[in-house]
Amino acid sequence: LAGRREFIAEAWCVRKLLGGGMRQAGVLA
């Protein structure tokens, strides 16, 4: 996801609130 800094900060918080995130994401990256 790309966008303005404020938008990404909000998306980051929402992702955390909804339980998003992964460990070992480098393999997928």
ModelCIF file with pLDDT and N, C-alpha, C, O atoms, coordinates in Angstrom:
data_MODEL
#
_entry.id   MODEL 
#
_entity.id                         1 
_entity.type                       polymer 
_entity.pdbx_number_of_molecules   1 
#
_entity_poly.entity_id                      1 
_entity_poly.type                           'polypeptide(L)' 
_entity_poly.nstd_linkage                   no 
_entity_poly.nstd_monomer                   no 
_entity_poly.pdbx_seq_one_letter_code       LAGRREFIAEAWCVRKLLGGGMRQAGVLA 
_entity_poly.pdbx_seq_one_letter_code_can   LAGRREFIAEAWCVRKLLGGGMRQAGVLA 
_entity_poly.pdbx_strand_id                 A 
#
loop_
_entity_poly_seq.entity_id 
_entity_poly_seq.num 
_entity_poly_seq.mon_id 
_entity_poly_seq.hetero 
1 1  LEU n 
1 2  ALA n 
1 3  GLY n 
1 4  ARG n 
1 5  ARG n 
1 6  GLU n 
1 7  PHE n 
1 8  ILE n 
1 9  ALA n 
1 10 GLU n 
1 11 ALA n 
1 12 TRP n 
1 13 CYS n 
1 14 VAL n 
1 15 ARG n 
1 16 LYS n 
1 17 LEU n 
1 18 LEU n 
1 19 GLY n 
1 20 GLY n 
1 21 GLY n 
1 22 MET n 
1 23 ARG n 
1 24 GLN n 
1 25 ALA n 
1 26 GLY n 
1 27 VAL n 
1 28 LEU n 
1 29 ALA n 
#
_struct_asym.id          A 
_struct_asym.entity_id   1 
#
loop_
_ma_qa_metric.id 
_ma_qa_metric.mode 
_ma_qa_metric.name 
_ma_qa_metric.software_group_id 
_ma_qa_metric.type 
1 global pLDDT . pLDDT 
2 local  pLDDT . pLDDT 
#
_ma_qa_metric_global.metric_id      1 
_ma_qa_metric_global.metric_value   89.00 
_ma_qa_metric_global.model_id       1 
_ma_qa_metric_global.ordinal_id     1 
#
loop_
_ma_qa_metric_local.label_asym_id 
_ma_qa_metric_local.label_comp_id 
_ma_qa_metric_local.label_seq_id 
_ma_qa_metric_local.metric_id 
_ma_qa_metric_local.metric_value 
_ma_qa_metric_local.model_id 
_ma_qa_metric_local.ordinal_id 
A LEU 1  2 93.00 1 1  
A ALA 2  2 94.00 1 2  
A GLY 3  2 95.00 1 3  
A ARG 4  2 95.00 1 4  
A ARG 5  2 97.00 1 5  
A GLU 6  2 97.00 1 6  
A PHE 7  2 97.00 1 7  
A ILE 8  2 96.00 1 8  
A ALA 9  2 97.00 1 9  
A GLU 10 2 96.00 1 10 
A ALA 11 2 94.00 1 11 
A TRP 12 2 92.00 1 12 
A CYS 13 2 93.00 1 13 
A VAL 14 2 92.00 1 14 
A ARG 15 2 89.00 1 15 
A LYS 16 2 88.00 1 16 
A LEU 17 2 90.00 1 17 
A LEU 18 2 89.00 1 18 
A GLY 19 2 84.00 1 19 
A GLY 20 2 75.00 1 20 
A GLY 21 2 75.00 1 21 
A MET 22 2 76.00 1 22 
A ARG 23 2 76.00 1 23 
A GLN 24 2 79.00 1 24 
A ALA 25 2 83.00 1 25 
A GLY 26 2 86.00 1 26 
A VAL 27 2 87.00 1 27 
A LEU 28 2 86.00 1 28 
A ALA 29 2 90.00 1 29 
#
loop_
_atom_site.group_PDB 
_atom_site.id 
_atom_site.type_symbol 
_atom_site.label_atom_id 
_atom_site.label_alt_id 
_atom_site.label_comp_id 
_atom_site.label_asym_id 
_atom_site.label_entity_id 
_atom_site.label_seq_id 
_atom_site.pdbx_PDB_ins_code 
_atom_site.Cartn_x 
_atom_site.Cartn_y 
_atom_site.Cartn_z 
_atom_site.occupancy 
_atom_site.B_iso_or_equiv 
_atom_site.pdbx_formal_charge 
_atom_site.auth_seq_id 
_atom_site.auth_comp_id 
_atom_site.auth_asym_id 
_atom_site.auth_atom_id 
_atom_site.pdbx_PDB_model_num 
ATOM 1   N N  . LEU A 1 1  ? 0.859  -1.178  0.000  1.00 93.00 ? 1  LEU A N  1 
ATOM 2   C CA . LEU A 1 1  ? 0.000  0.000   0.000  1.00 93.00 ? 1  LEU A CA 1 
ATOM 3   C C  . LEU A 1 1  ? 0.895  1.227   0.000  1.00 93.00 ? 1  LEU A C  1 
ATOM 4   O O  . LEU A 1 1  ? 1.825  1.323   0.800  1.00 93.00 ? 1  LEU A O  1 
ATOM 5   N N  . ALA A 1 2  ? 0.617  2.158   -0.888 1.00 94.00 ? 2  ALA A N  1 
ATOM 6   C CA . ALA A 1 2  ? 1.414  3.381   -0.963 1.00 94.00 ? 2  ALA A CA 1 
ATOM 7   C C  . ALA A 1 2  ? 0.491  4.579   -0.918 1.00 94.00 ? 2  ALA A C  1 
ATOM 8   O O  . ALA A 1 2  ? -0.623 4.545   -1.442 1.00 94.00 ? 2  ALA A O  1 
ATOM 9   N N  . GLY A 1 3  ? 0.961  5.625   -0.296 1.00 95.00 ? 3  GLY A N  1 
ATOM 10  C CA . GLY A 1 3  ? 0.183  6.852   -0.199 1.00 95.00 ? 3  GLY A CA 1 
ATOM 11  C C  . GLY A 1 3  ? 0.917  7.877   0.646  1.00 95.00 ? 3  GLY A C  1 
ATOM 12  O O  . GLY A 1 3  ? 2.088  7.710   0.985  1.00 95.00 ? 3  GLY A O  1 
ATOM 13  N N  . ARG A 1 4  ? 0.196  8.946   0.978  1.00 95.00 ? 4  ARG A N  1 
ATOM 14  C CA . ARG A 1 4  ? 0.789  9.980   1.828  1.00 95.00 ? 4  ARG A CA 1 
ATOM 15  C C  . ARG A 1 4  ? 1.136  9.408   3.205  1.00 95.00 ? 4  ARG A C  1 
ATOM 16  O O  . ARG A 1 4  ? 0.524  8.440   3.656  1.00 95.00 ? 4  ARG A O  1 
ATOM 17  N N  . ARG A 1 5  ? 2.115  10.013  3.860  1.00 97.00 ? 5  ARG A N  1 
ATOM 18  C CA . ARG A 1 5  ? 2.609  9.532   5.145  1.00 97.00 ? 5  ARG A CA 1 
ATOM 19  C C  . ARG A 1 5  ? 1.479  9.368   6.170  1.00 97.00 ? 5  ARG A C  1 
ATOM 20  O O  . ARG A 1 5  ? 1.437  8.367   6.886  1.00 97.00 ? 5  ARG A O  1 
ATOM 21  N N  . GLU A 1 6  ? 0.567  10.337  6.244  1.00 97.00 ? 6  GLU A N  1 
ATOM 22  C CA . GLU A 1 6  ? -0.537 10.271  7.215  1.00 97.00 ? 6  GLU A CA 1 
ATOM 23  C C  . GLU A 1 6  ? -1.464 9.092   6.909  1.00 97.00 ? 6  GLU A C  1 
ATOM 24  O O  . GLU A 1 6  ? -1.923 8.397   7.815  1.00 97.00 ? 6  GLU A O  1 
ATOM 25  N N  . PHE A 1 7  ? -1.728 8.880   5.627  1.00 97.00 ? 7  PHE A N  1 
ATOM 26  C CA . PHE A 1 7  ? -2.593 7.778   5.198  1.00 97.00 ? 7  PHE A CA 1 
ATOM 27  C C  . PHE A 1 7  ? -1.969 6.430   5.577  1.00 97.00 ? 7  PHE A C  1 
ATOM 28  O O  . PHE A 1 7  ? -2.659 5.551   6.093  1.00 97.00 ? 7  PHE A O  1 
ATOM 29  N N  . ILE A 1 8  ? -0.687 6.271   5.326  1.00 96.00 ? 8  ILE A N  1 
ATOM 30  C CA . ILE A 1 8  ? 0.009  5.019   5.645  1.00 96.00 ? 8  ILE A CA 1 
ATOM 31  C C  . ILE A 1 8  ? 0.043  4.805   7.157  1.00 96.00 ? 8  ILE A C  1 
ATOM 32  O O  . ILE A 1 8  ? -0.121 3.676   7.618  1.00 96.00 ? 8  ILE A O  1 
ATOM 33  N N  . ALA A 1 9  ? 0.255  5.874   7.942  1.00 97.00 ? 9  ALA A N  1 
ATOM 34  C CA . ALA A 1 9  ? 0.253  5.743   9.403  1.00 97.00 ? 9  ALA A CA 1 
ATOM 35  C C  . ALA A 1 9  ? -1.105 5.257   9.893  1.00 97.00 ? 9  ALA A C  1 
ATOM 36  O O  . ALA A 1 9  ? -1.183 4.406   10.779 1.00 97.00 ? 9  ALA A O  1 
ATOM 37  N N  . GLU A 1 10 ? -2.177 5.799   9.314  1.00 96.00 ? 10 GLU A N  1 
ATOM 38  C CA . GLU A 1 10 ? -3.523 5.359   9.695  1.00 96.00 ? 10 GLU A CA 1 
ATOM 39  C C  . GLU A 1 10 ? -3.749 3.911   9.273  1.00 96.00 ? 10 GLU A C  1 
ATOM 40  O O  . GLU A 1 10 ? -4.306 3.125   10.039 1.00 96.00 ? 10 GLU A O  1 
ATOM 41  N N  . ALA A 1 11 ? -3.327 3.554   8.070  1.00 94.00 ? 11 ALA A N  1 
ATOM 42  C CA . ALA A 1 11 ? -3.486 2.169   7.591  1.00 94.00 ? 11 ALA A CA 1 
ATOM 43  C C  . ALA A 1 11 ? -2.711 1.209   8.490  1.00 94.00 ? 11 ALA A C  1 
ATOM 44  O O  . ALA A 1 11 ? -3.183 0.111   8.784  1.00 94.00 ? 11 ALA A O  1 
ATOM 45  N N  . TRP A 1 12 ? -1.530 1.619   8.921  1.00 92.00 ? 12 TRP A N  1 
ATOM 46  C CA . TRP A 1 12 ? -0.714 0.797   9.808  1.00 92.00 ? 12 TRP A CA 1 
ATOM 47  C C  . TRP A 1 12 ? -1.460 0.526   11.121 1.00 92.00 ? 12 TRP A C  1 
ATOM 48  O O  . TRP A 1 12 ? -1.475 -0.605  11.606 1.00 92.00 ? 12 TRP A O  1 
ATOM 49  N N  . CYS A 1 13 ? -2.071 1.556   11.685 1.00 93.00 ? 13 CYS A N  1 
ATOM 50  C CA . CYS A 1 13 ? -2.823 1.398   12.940 1.00 93.00 ? 13 CYS A CA 1 
ATOM 51  C C  . CYS A 1 13 ? -4.029 0.485   12.746 1.00 93.00 ? 13 CYS A C  1 
ATOM 52  O O  . CYS A 1 13 ? -4.286 -0.389  13.574 1.00 93.00 ? 13 CYS A O  1 
ATOM 53  N N  . VAL A 1 14 ? -4.763 0.681   11.664 1.00 92.00 ? 14 VAL A N  1 
ATOM 54  C CA . VAL A 1 14 ? -5.937 -0.151  11.394 1.00 92.00 ? 14 VAL A CA 1 
ATOM 55  C C  . VAL A 1 14 ? -5.519 -1.603  11.196 1.00 92.00 ? 14 VAL A C  1 
ATOM 56  O O  . VAL A 1 14 ? -6.186 -2.512  11.688 1.00 92.00 ? 14 VAL A O  1 
ATOM 57  N N  . ARG A 1 15 ? -4.434 -1.824  10.490 1.00 89.00 ? 15 ARG A N  1 
ATOM 58  C CA . ARG A 1 15 ? -3.942 -3.187  10.294 1.00 89.00 ? 15 ARG A CA 1 
ATOM 59  C C  . ARG A 1 15 ? -3.644 -3.844  11.634 1.00 89.00 ? 15 ARG A C  1 
ATOM 60  O O  . ARG A 1 15 ? -4.005 -5.001  11.853 1.00 89.00 ? 15 ARG A O  1 
ATOM 61  N N  . LYS A 1 16 ? -2.992 -3.118  12.529 1.00 88.00 ? 16 LYS A N  1 
ATOM 62  C CA . LYS A 1 16 ? -2.674 -3.648  13.863 1.00 88.00 ? 16 LYS A CA 1 
ATOM 63  C C  . LYS A 1 16 ? -3.950 -3.938  14.655 1.00 88.00 ? 16 LYS A C  1 
ATOM 64  O O  . LYS A 1 16 ? -4.057 -4.974  15.310 1.00 88.00 ? 16 LYS A O  1 
ATOM 65  N N  . LEU A 1 17 ? -4.925 -3.007  14.592 1.00 90.00 ? 17 LEU A N  1 
ATOM 66  C CA . LEU A 1 17 ? -6.193 -3.199  15.296 1.00 90.00 ? 17 LEU A CA 1 
ATOM 67  C C  . LEU A 1 17 ? -6.940 -4.439  14.829 1.00 90.00 ? 17 LEU A C  1 
ATOM 68  O O  . LEU A 1 17 ? -7.598 -5.113  15.621 1.00 90.00 ? 17 LEU A O  1 
ATOM 69  N N  . LEU A 1 18 ? -6.832 -4.738  13.527 1.00 89.00 ? 18 LEU A N  1 
ATOM 70  C CA . LEU A 1 18 ? -7.538 -5.883  12.954 1.00 89.00 ? 18 LEU A CA 1 
ATOM 71  C C  . LEU A 1 18 ? -6.732 -7.174  13.023 1.00 89.00 ? 18 LEU A C  1 
ATOM 72  O O  . LEU A 1 18 ? -7.166 -8.207  12.514 1.00 89.00 ? 18 LEU A O  1 
ATOM 73  N N  . GLY A 1 19 ? -5.572 -7.118  13.642 1.00 84.00 ? 19 GLY A N  1 
ATOM 74  C CA . GLY A 1 19 ? -4.764 -8.323  13.821 1.00 84.00 ? 19 GLY A CA 1 
ATOM 75  C C  . GLY A 1 19 ? -3.868 -8.651  12.652 1.00 84.00 ? 19 GLY A C  1 
ATOM 76  O O  . GLY A 1 19 ? -3.369 -9.773  12.563 1.00 84.00 ? 19 GLY A O  1 
ATOM 77  N N  . GLY A 1 20 ? -3.645 -7.709  11.750 1.00 75.00 ? 20 GLY A N  1 
ATOM 78  C CA . GLY A 1 20 ? -2.780 -7.967  10.599 1.00 75.00 ? 20 GLY A CA 1 
ATOM 79  C C  . GLY A 1 20 ? -1.320 -7.939  10.988 1.00 75.00 ? 20 GLY A C  1 
ATOM 80  O O  . GLY A 1 20 ? -0.948 -7.351  12.003 1.00 75.00 ? 20 GLY A O  1 
ATOM 81  N N  . GLY A 1 21 ? -0.524 -8.554  10.208 1.00 75.00 ? 21 GLY A N  1 
ATOM 82  C CA . GLY A 1 21 ? 0.917  -8.572  10.436 1.00 75.00 ? 21 GLY A CA 1 
ATOM 83  C C  . GLY A 1 21 ? 1.428  -9.997  10.366 1.00 75.00 ? 21 GLY A C  1 
ATOM 84  O O  . GLY A 1 21 ? 0.686  -10.947 10.616 1.00 75.00 ? 21 GLY A O  1 
ATOM 85  N N  . MET A 1 22 ? 2.689  -10.139 10.028 1.00 76.00 ? 22 MET A N  1 
ATOM 86  C CA . MET A 1 22 ? 3.280  -11.463 9.899  1.00 76.00 ? 22 MET A CA 1 
ATOM 87  C C  . MET A 1 22 ? 4.707  -11.446 10.409 1.00 76.00 ? 22 MET A C  1 
ATOM 88  O O  . MET A 1 22 ? 5.420  -10.446 10.317 1.00 76.00 ? 22 MET A O  1 
ATOM 89  N N  . ARG A 1 23 ? 5.088  -12.560 10.937 1.00 76.00 ? 23 ARG A N  1 
ATOM 90  C CA . ARG A 1 23 ? 6.499  -12.769 11.233 1.00 76.00 ? 23 ARG A CA 1 
ATOM 91  C C  . ARG A 1 23 ? 7.089  -13.476 10.014 1.00 76.00 ? 23 ARG A C  1 
ATOM 92  O O  . ARG A 1 23 ? 6.352  -14.096 9.247  1.00 76.00 ? 23 ARG A O  1 
ATOM 93  N N  . GLN A 1 24 ? 8.347  -13.395 9.835  1.00 79.00 ? 24 GLN A N  1 
ATOM 94  C CA . GLN A 1 24 ? 9.033  -14.044 8.726  1.00 79.00 ? 24 GLN A CA 1 
ATOM 95  C C  . GLN A 1 24 ? 8.476  -13.606 7.369  1.00 79.00 ? 24 GLN A C  1 
ATOM 96  O O  . GLN A 1 24 ? 8.411  -14.398 6.429  1.00 79.00 ? 24 GLN A O  1 
ATOM 97  N N  . ALA A 1 25 ? 8.083  -12.356 7.285  1.00 83.00 ? 25 ALA A N  1 
ATOM 98  C CA . ALA A 1 25 ? 7.504  -11.836 6.045  1.00 83.00 ? 25 ALA A CA 1 
ATOM 99  C C  . ALA A 1 25 ? 8.538  -11.682 4.937  1.00 83.00 ? 25 ALA A C  1 
ATOM 100 O O  . ALA A 1 25 ? 8.175  -11.481 3.778  1.00 83.00 ? 25 ALA A O  1 
ATOM 101 N N  . GLY A 1 26 ? 9.806  -11.774 5.275  1.00 86.00 ? 26 GLY A N  1 
ATOM 102 C CA . GLY A 1 26 ? 10.849 -11.632 4.268  1.00 86.00 ? 26 GLY A CA 1 
ATOM 103 C C  . GLY A 1 26 ? 10.784 -12.685 3.180  1.00 86.00 ? 26 GLY A C  1 
ATOM 104 O O  . GLY A 1 26 ? 11.122 -12.409 2.028  1.00 86.00 ? 26 GLY A O  1 
ATOM 105 N N  . VAL A 1 27 ? 10.354 -13.888 3.529  1.00 87.00 ? 27 VAL A N  1 
ATOM 106 C CA . VAL A 1 27 ? 10.225 -14.958 2.532  1.00 87.00 ? 27 VAL A CA 1 
ATOM 107 C C  . VAL A 1 27 ? 9.188  -14.563 1.495  1.00 87.00 ? 27 VAL A C  1 
ATOM 108 O O  . VAL A 1 27 ? 9.406  -14.725 0.294  1.00 87.00 ? 27 VAL A O  1 
ATOM 109 N N  . LEU A 1 28 ? 8.058  -14.042 1.962  1.00 86.00 ? 28 LEU A N  1 
ATOM 110 C CA . LEU A 1 28 ? 7.017  -13.602 1.026  1.00 86.00 ? 28 LEU A CA 1 
ATOM 111 C C  . LEU A 1 28 ? 7.464  -12.364 0.261  1.00 86.00 ? 28 LEU A C  1 
ATOM 112 O O  . LEU A 1 28 ? 7.135  -12.203 -0.914 1.00 86.00 ? 28 LEU A O  1 
ATOM 113 N N  . ALA A 1 29 ? 8.212  -11.494 0.925  1.00 90.00 ? 29 ALA A N  1 
ATOM 114 C CA . ALA A 1 29 ? 8.714  -10.304 0.245  1.00 90.00 ? 29 ALA A CA 1 
ATOM 115 C C  . ALA A 1 29 ? 9.659  -10.683 -0.888 1.00 90.00 ? 29 ALA A C  1 
ATOM 116 O O  . ALA A 1 29 ? 10.182 -9.806  -1.576 1.00 90.00 ? 29 ALA A O  1 
#
